[in-house]
């Protein structure tokens, strides 16, 4: 029976490529788990609002300085919260992209 032609890849080379792919997939899974465990913090309004988000992109903590709570200006407080949450999420995403970029430099925007 004739063996399939893989464009110059012998059977041993194909097995080696498969092992490397499996190893890389395992490393990426481990890295994903590590990134999910991390926490990112950001503040807005000079520290009047601080938030923490998890590597899973979930808001885990919010702290609001009572001085910033003005019943006549709820919109400002909402803006401060949005700014802090978005910055924390941005930090997490940058860390994720940097970690994945180290893992697979040629796959830039894939993650």
Protein backbone atom coordinates (compact mmCIF):
# COMPACT_ATOMS: atom_id res chain seq x y z
CA UNK A 1 0.00 0.00 0.00
CA UNK A 2 1.39 3.41 -0.94
CA UNK A 3 1.96 5.96 1.80
CA UNK A 4 0.35 9.36 1.39
CA UNK A 5 2.66 12.11 0.23
CA UNK A 6 2.72 15.05 2.63
CA UNK A 7 4.70 17.33 0.37
CA UNK A 8 8.13 16.16 1.48
CA UNK A 9 7.21 15.42 5.11
CA UNK A 10 8.11 11.88 6.04
CA UNK A 11 6.07 9.95 8.58
CA UNK A 12 8.60 10.65 11.35
CA UNK A 13 8.63 14.36 10.57
CA UNK A 14 4.83 14.47 10.62
CA UNK A 15 4.77 12.75 14.02
CA UNK A 16 7.33 15.23 15.33
CA UNK A 17 5.22 18.13 14.06
CA UNK A 18 2.15 16.67 15.74
CA UNK A 19 4.02 16.28 19.04
CA UNK A 20 5.23 19.88 18.81
CA UNK A 21 1.70 21.09 18.09
CA UNK A 22 0.33 19.14 21.05
CA UNK A 23 3.07 20.52 23.31
CA UNK A 24 2.32 24.07 22.17
CA UNK A 25 -1.40 23.55 22.72
CA UNK A 26 -0.73 22.30 26.26
CA UNK A 27 1.53 25.28 26.98
CA UNK A 28 -1.11 27.67 25.67
CA UNK A 29 -3.77 26.03 27.85
CA UNK A 30 -1.53 26.37 30.90
CA UNK A 31 -0.80 30.00 30.07
CA UNK A 32 -4.52 30.70 29.63
CA UNK A 33 -5.18 29.23 33.08
CA UNK A 34 -2.43 31.39 34.59
CA UNK A 35 -3.78 34.51 32.90
CA UNK A 36 -7.29 33.72 34.16
CA UNK A 37 -5.95 33.71 37.74
CA UNK A 38 -4.39 37.18 37.49
CA UNK A 39 -6.02 40.37 38.70
CA UNK A 40 -5.71 43.86 37.23
CA UNK A 41 -6.38 47.10 39.06
CA UNK A 42 -7.02 50.59 37.76
CA UNK A 43 -8.20 53.90 39.16
CA UNK A 44 -9.81 57.06 37.87
CA UNK A 45 -10.50 60.50 39.23
CA UNK A 46 -7.15 60.64 40.99
CA UNK A 47 -7.90 57.43 42.87
CA UNK A 48 -11.47 58.34 43.79
CA UNK A 49 -12.70 55.17 42.05
CA UNK A 50 -10.63 51.99 41.95
CA UNK A 51 -11.58 48.67 40.42
CA UNK A 52 -10.15 45.21 40.02
CA UNK A 53 -10.92 42.80 37.22
CA UNK A 54 -9.95 39.18 36.85
CA UNK A 55 -8.08 37.64 33.97
CA UNK A 56 -11.45 36.20 33.00
CA UNK A 57 -12.56 39.79 32.32
CA UNK A 58 -14.92 39.98 35.28
CA UNK A 59 -15.27 42.93 37.63
CA UNK A 60 -14.26 41.56 41.03
CA UNK A 61 -13.98 44.66 43.21
CA UNK A 62 -14.94 48.31 43.18
CA UNK A 63 -14.09 51.00 45.71
CA UNK A 64 -15.60 54.48 45.65
CA UNK A 65 -14.30 57.27 47.83
CA UNK A 66 -17.34 58.79 49.58
CA UNK A 67 -16.10 62.30 48.67
CA UNK A 68 -16.89 61.65 45.02
CA UNK A 69 -20.51 60.67 45.72
CA UNK A 70 -22.59 63.71 44.81
CA UNK A 71 -26.32 63.06 44.41
CA UNK A 72 -26.49 66.05 42.10
CA UNK A 73 -23.77 64.68 39.78
CA UNK A 74 -24.32 60.95 39.42
CA UNK A 75 -23.15 61.17 35.80
CA UNK A 76 -19.61 62.06 36.90
CA UNK A 77 -19.48 59.00 39.17
CA UNK A 78 -20.74 56.79 36.34
CA UNK A 79 -18.02 58.17 34.05
CA UNK A 80 -15.33 57.53 36.67
CA UNK A 81 -16.49 53.95 37.13
CA UNK A 82 -16.56 53.31 33.38
CA UNK A 83 -13.09 54.82 32.96
CA UNK A 84 -11.60 52.71 35.75
CA UNK A 85 -13.23 49.47 34.57
CA UNK A 86 -12.20 50.03 30.97
CA UNK A 87 -8.60 50.77 32.00
CA UNK A 88 -8.40 47.62 34.14
CA UNK A 89 -9.81 45.53 31.28
CA UNK A 90 -7.32 47.15 28.89
CA UNK A 91 -4.44 46.25 31.24
CA UNK A 92 -5.61 42.66 31.36
CA UNK A 93 -5.93 42.44 27.61
CA UNK A 94 -2.45 43.92 27.08
CA UNK A 95 -0.98 41.37 29.51
CA UNK A 96 -2.82 38.54 27.72
CA UNK A 97 -1.59 39.68 24.30
CA UNK A 98 1.98 40.07 25.56
CA UNK A 99 1.97 36.59 27.11
CA UNK A 100 0.46 34.96 24.05
CA UNK A 101 2.83 36.91 21.79
CA UNK A 102 5.78 35.37 23.63
CA UNK A 103 4.25 31.94 23.16
CA UNK A 104 3.61 32.30 19.43
CA UNK A 105 5.35 35.40 18.02
CA UNK A 106 4.13 34.80 14.47
CA UNK A 107 0.48 34.70 15.51
CA UNK A 108 0.18 38.37 16.55
CA UNK A 109 -3.51 39.27 16.46
CA UNK A 110 -4.77 35.69 16.67
CA UNK A 111 -5.54 35.96 20.39
